[in-house]
N, C-alpha and C. Protein backbone atom coordinates (compact mmCIF):
# COMPACT_ATOMS: atom_id res chain seq x y z
N MET A 1 81.24 78.89 -12.10
CA MET A 1 80.23 78.89 -13.11
C MET A 1 79.55 80.16 -13.30
N SER A 2 79.37 80.88 -14.26
CA SER A 2 78.26 82.03 -14.30
C SER A 2 77.94 81.83 -15.68
N ALA A 3 76.19 82.61 -15.68
CA ALA A 3 75.86 83.00 -16.96
C ALA A 3 75.11 84.15 -17.07
N ILE A 4 75.39 85.24 -17.90
CA ILE A 4 74.04 86.10 -18.12
C ILE A 4 73.01 85.57 -18.78
N ILE A 5 71.90 85.20 -18.41
CA ILE A 5 70.50 85.31 -19.15
C ILE A 5 69.56 86.36 -19.10
N SER A 6 69.03 86.38 -20.13
CA SER A 6 67.87 87.21 -19.95
C SER A 6 66.74 87.20 -18.76
N PRO A 7 66.05 88.36 -18.45
CA PRO A 7 65.09 88.05 -17.38
C PRO A 7 64.05 87.26 -17.86
N CYS A 8 63.47 87.00 -19.34
CA CYS A 8 62.77 86.07 -19.71
C CYS A 8 63.32 84.71 -20.00
N GLY A 9 64.36 84.69 -19.64
CA GLY A 9 64.88 83.69 -20.25
C GLY A 9 65.21 82.59 -21.20
N LEU A 10 64.82 83.36 -22.31
CA LEU A 10 64.66 82.99 -23.41
C LEU A 10 66.30 83.13 -24.25
N PHE A 11 66.98 84.06 -23.87
CA PHE A 11 68.17 84.13 -24.16
C PHE A 11 69.62 84.04 -23.40
N ARG A 12 70.21 83.62 -23.80
CA ARG A 12 71.67 83.30 -22.83
C ARG A 12 72.85 84.08 -23.81
N LEU A 13 73.21 84.97 -23.08
CA LEU A 13 74.23 86.06 -23.68
C LEU A 13 75.91 85.63 -23.62
N ARG A 14 76.14 84.84 -22.26
CA ARG A 14 77.47 84.73 -21.98
C ARG A 14 77.30 83.65 -20.81
N LEU A 15 78.22 82.89 -20.97
CA LEU A 15 78.64 81.69 -20.08
C LEU A 15 79.90 81.76 -19.90
N ASP A 16 80.46 81.41 -18.53
CA ASP A 16 81.75 81.20 -17.88
C ASP A 16 82.24 80.03 -17.14
N ARG A 17 83.25 79.43 -17.37
CA ARG A 17 83.89 78.44 -16.45
C ARG A 17 84.97 78.37 -16.17
N ASP A 18 85.09 78.38 -15.05
CA ASP A 18 86.75 78.52 -14.56
C ASP A 18 87.14 77.09 -14.17
N LEU A 19 88.48 76.77 -15.05
CA LEU A 19 88.75 75.36 -15.50
C LEU A 19 89.76 75.31 -14.48
N GLY A 20 89.61 75.91 -13.25
CA GLY A 20 90.66 75.46 -12.11
C GLY A 20 92.04 75.19 -12.04
N ARG A 21 92.69 76.03 -12.91
CA ARG A 21 93.94 75.96 -13.23
C ARG A 21 94.64 77.31 -14.10
N PRO A 22 95.71 77.73 -13.91
CA PRO A 22 95.98 79.10 -14.79
C PRO A 22 96.30 78.68 -15.92
N GLY A 23 95.93 79.90 -16.94
CA GLY A 23 96.00 79.16 -18.15
C GLY A 23 94.98 80.39 -18.97
N PRO A 24 95.27 79.93 -20.52
CA PRO A 24 94.43 81.67 -21.07
C PRO A 24 92.92 81.19 -21.09
N ALA A 25 92.53 82.71 -21.04
CA ALA A 25 90.96 82.77 -21.00
C ALA A 25 90.82 82.72 -22.77
N VAL A 26 89.92 81.83 -22.91
CA VAL A 26 89.78 80.77 -24.05
C VAL A 26 87.60 81.45 -24.74
N ALA A 27 87.58 82.25 -25.31
CA ALA A 27 86.36 82.55 -25.93
C ALA A 27 86.04 81.81 -27.04
N VAL A 28 85.09 80.82 -26.94
CA VAL A 28 84.28 79.97 -27.87
C VAL A 28 82.94 80.36 -28.33
N LEU A 29 83.04 80.91 -29.54
CA LEU A 29 81.99 81.40 -30.26
C LEU A 29 81.14 80.38 -30.84
N GLY A 30 79.71 79.97 -30.66
CA GLY A 30 78.96 78.87 -31.11
C GLY A 30 77.76 79.51 -32.01
N VAL A 31 76.83 78.78 -32.83
CA VAL A 31 75.88 79.15 -33.13
C VAL A 31 74.64 79.99 -32.48
N ASN A 32 74.27 78.80 -31.50
CA ASN A 32 73.07 79.45 -30.48
C ASN A 32 73.26 78.58 -29.22
N PRO A 33 72.91 79.26 -28.30
CA PRO A 33 73.03 78.25 -27.02
C PRO A 33 71.70 77.32 -27.14
N SER A 34 72.20 75.86 -26.18
CA SER A 34 70.97 75.37 -25.81
C SER A 34 70.86 75.44 -24.18
N THR A 35 71.06 74.18 -23.44
CA THR A 35 70.30 74.38 -22.25
C THR A 35 71.14 74.95 -21.10
N ALA A 36 72.88 74.75 -21.35
CA ALA A 36 73.43 75.22 -20.33
C ALA A 36 72.89 76.47 -19.64
N ASP A 37 73.67 76.49 -18.18
CA ASP A 37 73.10 77.77 -17.39
C ASP A 37 74.57 77.80 -16.54
N ALA A 38 74.01 78.73 -15.53
CA ALA A 38 74.99 78.70 -14.58
C ALA A 38 75.60 77.70 -13.82
N THR A 39 74.90 76.90 -13.75
CA THR A 39 74.61 75.73 -13.19
C THR A 39 74.93 74.19 -13.46
N THR A 40 74.22 74.22 -14.98
CA THR A 40 74.57 72.75 -15.50
C THR A 40 74.80 72.99 -17.07
N ASN A 41 75.60 71.94 -17.29
CA ASN A 41 76.56 71.96 -18.36
C ASN A 41 75.50 71.11 -19.43
N ASP A 42 75.76 71.76 -20.95
CA ASP A 42 74.96 70.64 -21.81
C ASP A 42 76.23 70.22 -22.84
N ALA A 43 75.65 69.52 -23.51
CA ALA A 43 76.58 68.42 -24.34
C ALA A 43 77.94 69.38 -25.08
N THR A 44 77.63 70.54 -25.45
CA THR A 44 78.53 71.52 -26.23
C THR A 44 79.90 71.89 -25.10
N ILE A 45 78.79 72.48 -23.97
CA ILE A 45 79.54 73.16 -22.95
C ILE A 45 80.55 72.11 -22.43
N ARG A 46 80.12 70.96 -22.31
CA ARG A 46 80.97 69.75 -21.90
C ARG A 46 82.45 69.40 -22.79
N LYS A 47 81.82 69.29 -24.22
CA LYS A 47 82.95 68.85 -25.11
C LYS A 47 83.93 70.37 -25.26
N ASP A 48 83.44 71.70 -24.53
CA ASP A 48 84.57 72.74 -24.91
C ASP A 48 85.17 72.60 -23.69
N ILE A 49 84.73 72.22 -22.57
CA ILE A 49 85.72 71.75 -21.30
C ILE A 49 86.53 70.92 -21.62
N GLY A 50 86.28 70.06 -22.38
CA GLY A 50 87.13 68.77 -22.28
C GLY A 50 88.31 69.23 -23.50
N PHE A 51 87.89 70.43 -24.30
CA PHE A 51 89.06 70.97 -24.95
C PHE A 51 89.85 71.77 -24.31
N GLY A 52 89.29 72.60 -23.28
CA GLY A 52 90.17 73.13 -22.50
C GLY A 52 90.95 72.54 -21.56
N ALA A 53 90.23 71.78 -21.13
CA ALA A 53 91.25 70.57 -20.17
C ALA A 53 92.55 69.93 -20.54
N ARG A 54 92.26 69.69 -22.12
CA ARG A 54 93.43 68.66 -22.40
C ARG A 54 94.41 69.84 -23.33
N ARG A 55 94.34 70.98 -23.04
CA ARG A 55 94.93 72.51 -24.14
C ARG A 55 95.06 72.94 -23.06
N GLY A 56 95.02 73.24 -21.53
CA GLY A 56 95.75 74.00 -20.79
C GLY A 56 94.78 75.72 -20.62
N TRP A 57 93.77 75.18 -21.02
CA TRP A 57 93.19 76.92 -20.55
C TRP A 57 92.92 76.85 -19.60
N GLY A 58 92.56 78.15 -19.16
CA GLY A 58 92.15 78.60 -17.60
C GLY A 58 90.93 78.84 -17.39
N ARG A 59 90.29 79.64 -18.60
CA ARG A 59 88.97 80.13 -18.22
C ARG A 59 88.33 79.76 -19.69
N LEU A 60 87.21 79.29 -19.71
CA LEU A 60 86.21 79.26 -20.76
C LEU A 60 85.06 80.35 -20.77
N ILE A 61 85.26 81.06 -21.87
CA ILE A 61 84.29 82.15 -22.04
C ILE A 61 83.35 81.60 -23.48
N LYS A 62 81.69 81.35 -23.08
CA LYS A 62 81.24 80.99 -23.94
C LYS A 62 80.26 82.13 -24.54
N GLY A 63 80.21 82.15 -25.91
CA GLY A 63 79.22 83.08 -26.49
C GLY A 63 78.89 82.45 -27.98
N ASN A 64 77.99 83.17 -28.32
CA ASN A 64 76.96 82.77 -29.83
C ASN A 64 76.53 83.75 -30.47
N LYS A 65 76.67 83.57 -31.99
CA LYS A 65 76.41 84.46 -32.63
C LYS A 65 74.76 84.90 -32.57
N PHE A 66 73.87 84.06 -32.03
CA PHE A 66 72.37 84.03 -31.71
C PHE A 66 72.59 83.52 -30.68
N ALA A 67 71.67 84.61 -29.47
CA ALA A 67 71.67 84.05 -28.11
C ALA A 67 70.36 83.65 -27.56
N TYR A 68 69.54 83.80 -28.50
CA TYR A 68 68.40 82.88 -28.42
C TYR A 68 68.80 81.16 -28.00
N ARG A 69 67.87 80.84 -26.82
CA ARG A 69 68.29 79.19 -26.62
C ARG A 69 67.02 78.49 -27.24
N ALA A 70 67.53 77.21 -28.03
CA ALA A 70 66.85 76.45 -28.84
C ALA A 70 68.00 75.14 -28.89
N THR A 71 66.88 73.88 -28.66
CA THR A 71 68.00 72.86 -28.77
C THR A 71 67.86 72.57 -30.26
N ASP A 72 67.13 73.17 -30.79
CA ASP A 72 67.28 72.37 -32.14
C ASP A 72 67.46 74.35 -33.32
N VAL A 73 68.56 74.26 -34.29
CA VAL A 73 68.82 75.66 -34.79
C VAL A 73 67.78 76.13 -35.56
N ARG A 74 66.89 75.06 -36.06
CA ARG A 74 65.92 75.58 -36.71
C ARG A 74 65.21 76.18 -36.14
N GLU A 75 64.94 76.22 -34.67
CA GLU A 75 64.08 76.87 -34.00
C GLU A 75 63.96 78.35 -34.13
N LEU A 76 65.59 79.00 -34.50
CA LEU A 76 65.76 80.48 -34.20
C LEU A 76 65.01 80.88 -35.17
N ARG A 77 64.43 80.49 -36.47
CA ARG A 77 63.20 80.69 -37.40
C ARG A 77 62.24 81.52 -36.78
N SER A 78 61.73 80.90 -35.70
CA SER A 78 60.69 81.58 -35.21
C SER A 78 60.66 82.36 -34.12
N CYS A 79 61.97 82.85 -33.81
CA CYS A 79 62.34 83.96 -33.27
C CYS A 79 62.52 85.51 -33.95
N SER A 80 61.41 86.26 -33.49
CA SER A 80 61.76 87.46 -34.04
C SER A 80 63.10 88.28 -34.20
N ASP A 81 63.62 87.99 -32.68
CA ASP A 81 65.15 88.73 -32.77
C ASP A 81 66.30 87.50 -32.20
N PRO A 82 66.41 86.38 -32.76
CA PRO A 82 67.28 85.25 -32.53
C PRO A 82 68.82 85.84 -32.05
N ILE A 83 68.94 86.83 -32.85
CA ILE A 83 70.44 87.94 -32.03
C ILE A 83 69.95 88.02 -30.40
N GLY A 84 69.42 88.47 -30.32
CA GLY A 84 69.45 88.59 -28.71
C GLY A 84 69.66 90.30 -28.25
N PRO A 85 68.67 90.40 -27.28
CA PRO A 85 69.40 91.83 -26.95
C PRO A 85 70.69 91.98 -26.22
N GLY A 86 71.17 92.99 -26.90
CA GLY A 86 72.75 93.20 -26.56
C GLY A 86 73.65 92.35 -26.91
N ASN A 87 73.39 91.21 -27.75
CA ASN A 87 74.22 90.35 -27.68
C ASN A 87 75.34 90.51 -28.06
N ASP A 88 75.90 91.52 -29.37
CA ASP A 88 76.98 91.99 -29.93
C ASP A 88 78.08 92.74 -28.66
N ASN A 89 77.26 93.34 -27.92
CA ASN A 89 78.12 94.51 -27.12
C ASN A 89 78.78 93.02 -26.04
N HIS A 90 77.95 92.01 -25.70
CA HIS A 90 78.55 91.00 -24.98
C HIS A 90 79.58 90.09 -25.45
N LEU A 91 79.44 89.90 -26.84
CA LEU A 91 80.47 89.14 -27.66
C LEU A 91 81.44 90.34 -27.77
N LEU A 92 81.62 91.45 -28.01
CA LEU A 92 82.61 92.44 -27.71
C LEU A 92 83.30 92.21 -26.40
N ALA A 93 82.77 92.38 -25.62
CA ALA A 93 83.75 92.42 -24.13
C ALA A 93 84.17 90.77 -24.11
N MET A 94 83.41 89.54 -24.44
CA MET A 94 84.39 88.63 -24.08
C MET A 94 85.59 88.42 -25.16
N MET A 95 85.29 88.86 -26.29
CA MET A 95 86.66 88.96 -27.39
C MET A 95 87.72 89.81 -26.67
N GLN A 96 87.19 90.62 -26.17
CA GLN A 96 88.12 91.60 -25.43
C GLN A 96 89.44 91.36 -24.40
N GLU A 97 87.93 90.34 -23.36
CA GLU A 97 88.60 89.54 -22.26
C GLU A 97 89.59 88.31 -22.71
N ALA A 98 89.06 87.66 -23.51
CA ALA A 98 89.96 86.63 -24.16
C ALA A 98 91.29 86.59 -24.38
N ASP A 99 92.29 85.86 -24.19
CA ASP A 99 93.40 85.40 -24.64
C ASP A 99 93.55 85.18 -26.61
N ILE A 100 92.59 83.83 -26.32
CA ILE A 100 92.17 83.63 -27.81
C ILE A 100 90.59 83.36 -27.95
N VAL A 101 90.79 83.84 -29.12
CA VAL A 101 88.60 83.64 -29.77
C VAL A 101 88.85 82.74 -30.68
N ILE A 102 87.90 81.61 -30.43
CA ILE A 102 87.73 80.19 -31.10
C ILE A 102 86.28 80.42 -31.80
N ALA A 103 86.22 80.58 -33.17
CA ALA A 103 84.81 80.49 -33.67
C ALA A 103 84.54 79.22 -34.14
N ALA A 104 83.42 78.82 -33.59
CA ALA A 104 83.00 77.23 -34.07
C ALA A 104 81.65 76.91 -33.92
N TRP A 105 80.93 77.57 -34.77
CA TRP A 105 79.46 77.61 -35.38
C TRP A 105 79.05 76.42 -36.13
N GLY A 106 79.55 75.78 -36.76
CA GLY A 106 79.41 74.96 -37.93
C GLY A 106 78.97 75.54 -39.21
N PRO A 107 78.51 74.81 -39.98
CA PRO A 107 78.47 75.09 -41.54
C PRO A 107 77.11 76.26 -41.57
N LEU A 108 76.84 76.96 -42.45
CA LEU A 108 75.70 77.78 -42.67
C LEU A 108 74.34 77.10 -42.91
N SER A 109 74.72 75.82 -43.46
CA SER A 109 73.40 75.01 -44.32
C SER A 109 72.30 74.74 -43.30
N LYS A 110 72.81 74.88 -42.05
CA LYS A 110 71.45 74.22 -40.49
C LYS A 110 71.07 75.06 -40.50
N LEU A 111 71.36 76.41 -40.91
CA LEU A 111 70.86 77.69 -40.46
C LEU A 111 69.41 78.04 -41.27
N PRO A 112 68.49 78.98 -41.03
CA PRO A 112 67.68 79.34 -41.93
C PRO A 112 68.31 80.26 -42.77
N ARG A 113 67.53 80.41 -44.13
CA ARG A 113 68.34 81.23 -45.01
C ARG A 113 68.98 82.93 -44.67
N SER A 114 67.75 83.51 -43.96
CA SER A 114 67.72 84.62 -43.38
C SER A 114 68.58 85.16 -42.34
N LEU A 115 69.48 83.70 -41.78
CA LEU A 115 70.54 84.30 -40.65
C LEU A 115 71.77 83.68 -41.14
N ARG A 116 71.83 83.27 -42.24
CA ARG A 116 73.03 82.81 -43.04
C ARG A 116 74.22 83.64 -42.80
N GLU A 117 74.19 84.89 -43.24
CA GLU A 117 74.97 86.07 -43.32
C GLU A 117 75.81 86.74 -41.71
N ARG A 118 74.89 86.11 -40.82
CA ARG A 118 75.34 86.75 -39.33
C ARG A 118 77.06 86.26 -39.27
N TRP A 119 77.85 85.39 -39.53
CA TRP A 119 78.84 85.29 -39.34
C TRP A 119 79.72 86.92 -39.54
N ARG A 120 79.26 87.80 -40.69
CA ARG A 120 80.08 88.63 -41.33
C ARG A 120 80.25 89.47 -39.59
N ASP A 121 79.06 89.43 -39.02
CA ASP A 121 79.00 90.45 -37.69
C ASP A 121 80.18 90.37 -37.07
N ILE A 122 80.21 88.90 -36.56
CA ILE A 122 80.95 88.72 -35.59
C ILE A 122 82.53 88.97 -36.40
N VAL A 123 82.93 88.50 -37.46
CA VAL A 123 83.99 88.85 -38.15
C VAL A 123 84.43 90.71 -37.79
N ARG A 124 83.34 91.30 -38.06
CA ARG A 124 83.57 92.86 -37.58
C ARG A 124 83.90 92.95 -36.41
N ILE A 125 82.88 92.15 -35.50
CA ILE A 125 83.22 92.46 -33.66
C ILE A 125 84.59 92.06 -33.43
N ALA A 126 85.37 91.13 -34.01
CA ALA A 126 86.26 90.53 -33.73
C ALA A 126 87.30 91.63 -34.17
N ALA A 127 87.34 92.09 -35.42
CA ALA A 127 87.90 93.34 -35.67
C ALA A 127 88.26 94.45 -34.82
N VAL A 128 86.91 94.73 -34.12
CA VAL A 128 86.87 96.23 -32.86
C VAL A 128 87.77 96.05 -32.24
N ALA A 129 87.58 94.46 -31.84
CA ALA A 129 88.02 93.80 -30.20
C ALA A 129 89.80 93.59 -30.77
N GLY A 130 90.34 93.83 -32.06
CA GLY A 130 91.66 93.50 -31.90
C GLY A 130 92.04 92.04 -32.18
N LYS A 131 91.04 91.14 -32.20
CA LYS A 131 91.60 90.08 -32.34
C LYS A 131 91.30 89.08 -33.47
N PRO A 132 92.19 88.12 -33.60
CA PRO A 132 92.19 87.08 -34.70
C PRO A 132 90.93 86.06 -34.35
N LEU A 133 90.61 85.58 -35.24
CA LEU A 133 89.80 84.21 -34.87
C LEU A 133 90.19 83.08 -35.18
N HIS A 134 90.22 81.93 -34.34
CA HIS A 134 90.94 80.67 -34.63
C HIS A 134 89.71 80.05 -34.82
N CYS A 135 89.98 78.43 -35.38
CA CYS A 135 88.98 77.54 -35.52
C CYS A 135 89.62 75.97 -35.47
N PHE A 136 89.07 74.85 -35.47
CA PHE A 136 89.42 73.68 -35.22
C PHE A 136 89.03 73.24 -36.88
N GLY A 137 89.24 73.98 -37.88
CA GLY A 137 89.26 73.38 -39.38
C GLY A 137 88.00 74.79 -39.32
N VAL A 138 87.51 73.85 -40.69
CA VAL A 138 86.50 74.76 -41.68
C VAL A 138 85.88 73.24 -42.22
N ALA A 139 84.45 73.60 -42.24
CA ALA A 139 83.40 73.13 -42.97
C ALA A 139 83.38 73.10 -44.64
N GLN A 140 83.06 72.54 -44.90
CA GLN A 140 83.01 72.44 -46.73
C GLN A 140 82.78 73.98 -47.30
N ASP A 141 81.97 74.56 -46.62
CA ASP A 141 81.65 76.02 -46.90
C ASP A 141 82.40 77.15 -46.56
N GLY A 142 83.80 76.57 -45.66
CA GLY A 142 84.46 77.68 -45.17
C GLY A 142 84.27 78.20 -43.89
N GLN A 143 83.34 77.51 -43.54
CA GLN A 143 82.90 78.30 -41.99
C GLN A 143 83.56 77.45 -41.12
N PRO A 144 83.87 77.88 -40.11
CA PRO A 144 84.30 77.40 -38.59
C PRO A 144 83.36 75.97 -38.17
N ARG A 145 84.30 75.04 -38.15
CA ARG A 145 83.56 73.61 -37.44
C ARG A 145 83.09 73.99 -36.30
N HIS A 146 81.86 73.22 -35.68
CA HIS A 146 81.75 73.00 -34.35
C HIS A 146 81.97 71.88 -33.62
N THR A 147 82.39 72.36 -32.50
CA THR A 147 83.36 71.61 -31.73
C THR A 147 82.79 69.81 -31.52
N LEU A 148 81.46 69.96 -30.93
CA LEU A 148 80.85 68.62 -30.77
C LEU A 148 81.15 67.12 -31.23
N MET A 149 81.56 67.61 -32.50
CA MET A 149 81.72 66.10 -32.84
C MET A 149 83.44 66.33 -33.45
N LEU A 150 84.21 66.94 -32.66
CA LEU A 150 85.26 67.14 -32.98
C LEU A 150 86.45 66.49 -32.11
N ALA A 151 87.16 65.66 -32.57
CA ALA A 151 88.16 65.33 -31.72
C ALA A 151 89.07 65.78 -30.90
N TYR A 152 89.32 65.37 -30.12
CA TYR A 152 90.04 66.79 -29.11
C TYR A 152 91.20 67.06 -29.27
N ASP A 153 92.18 66.25 -30.27
CA ASP A 153 93.48 66.64 -30.58
C ASP A 153 93.44 67.42 -32.38
N THR A 154 92.25 67.40 -32.55
CA THR A 154 91.93 68.49 -33.89
C THR A 154 93.24 69.60 -33.53
N PRO A 155 93.56 70.24 -34.83
CA PRO A 155 94.52 71.49 -34.41
C PRO A 155 93.67 72.30 -34.57
N LEU A 156 93.94 73.80 -33.59
CA LEU A 156 93.75 74.88 -33.61
C LEU A 156 94.49 75.98 -34.98
N THR A 157 93.91 76.30 -35.93
CA THR A 157 94.51 77.27 -36.53
C THR A 157 93.70 78.57 -36.86
N LEU A 158 94.39 79.53 -37.66
CA LEU A 158 93.65 80.75 -37.74
C LEU A 158 92.84 80.53 -38.84
N TRP A 159 91.34 81.13 -38.72
CA TRP A 159 90.34 80.95 -39.45
C TRP A 159 90.42 82.36 -40.47
N SER A 160 90.37 82.00 -41.76
CA SER A 160 90.04 82.87 -42.95
C SER A 160 88.98 83.16 -43.29
N ALA A 161 88.12 83.86 -43.01
CA ALA A 161 86.75 84.20 -43.55
C ALA A 161 86.79 83.98 -44.98
N PRO A 162 85.72 83.07 -45.33
CA PRO A 162 85.64 82.98 -47.09
C PRO A 162 85.15 84.13 -47.53
């Protein structure tokens, strides 16, 4: 278990979990980190680990569109730089390391309007990494569904950006 957290503690740039078996490294990209760190899992990380355990993943690599740590996505509005220092470089490295990259940030309607186009940057970073984006289905707006409320048997498909 490891995590890269900014010295100020406000940003989590990466989180890694070894799932204790041989298998693919899977990067799951969410909207923003909550409370999980190098030693503690939060609800989303527990759910992502559950997906991995049931699907034979060897390692979970967790990144987010926004690195600012908040338990409520609306808090991103009050942060001057919610993307975070060096987050795009970390996302690129995660995607390059991963065998499979899963977009899982949920519908854009939960985000402040000024941040709703950030997904386009993630699509560009994935293209640079040469990795297709997968998802567990799409929300009504065509964005990839968040893992937290999904059944573990939800099929994984390629994501076609809207």
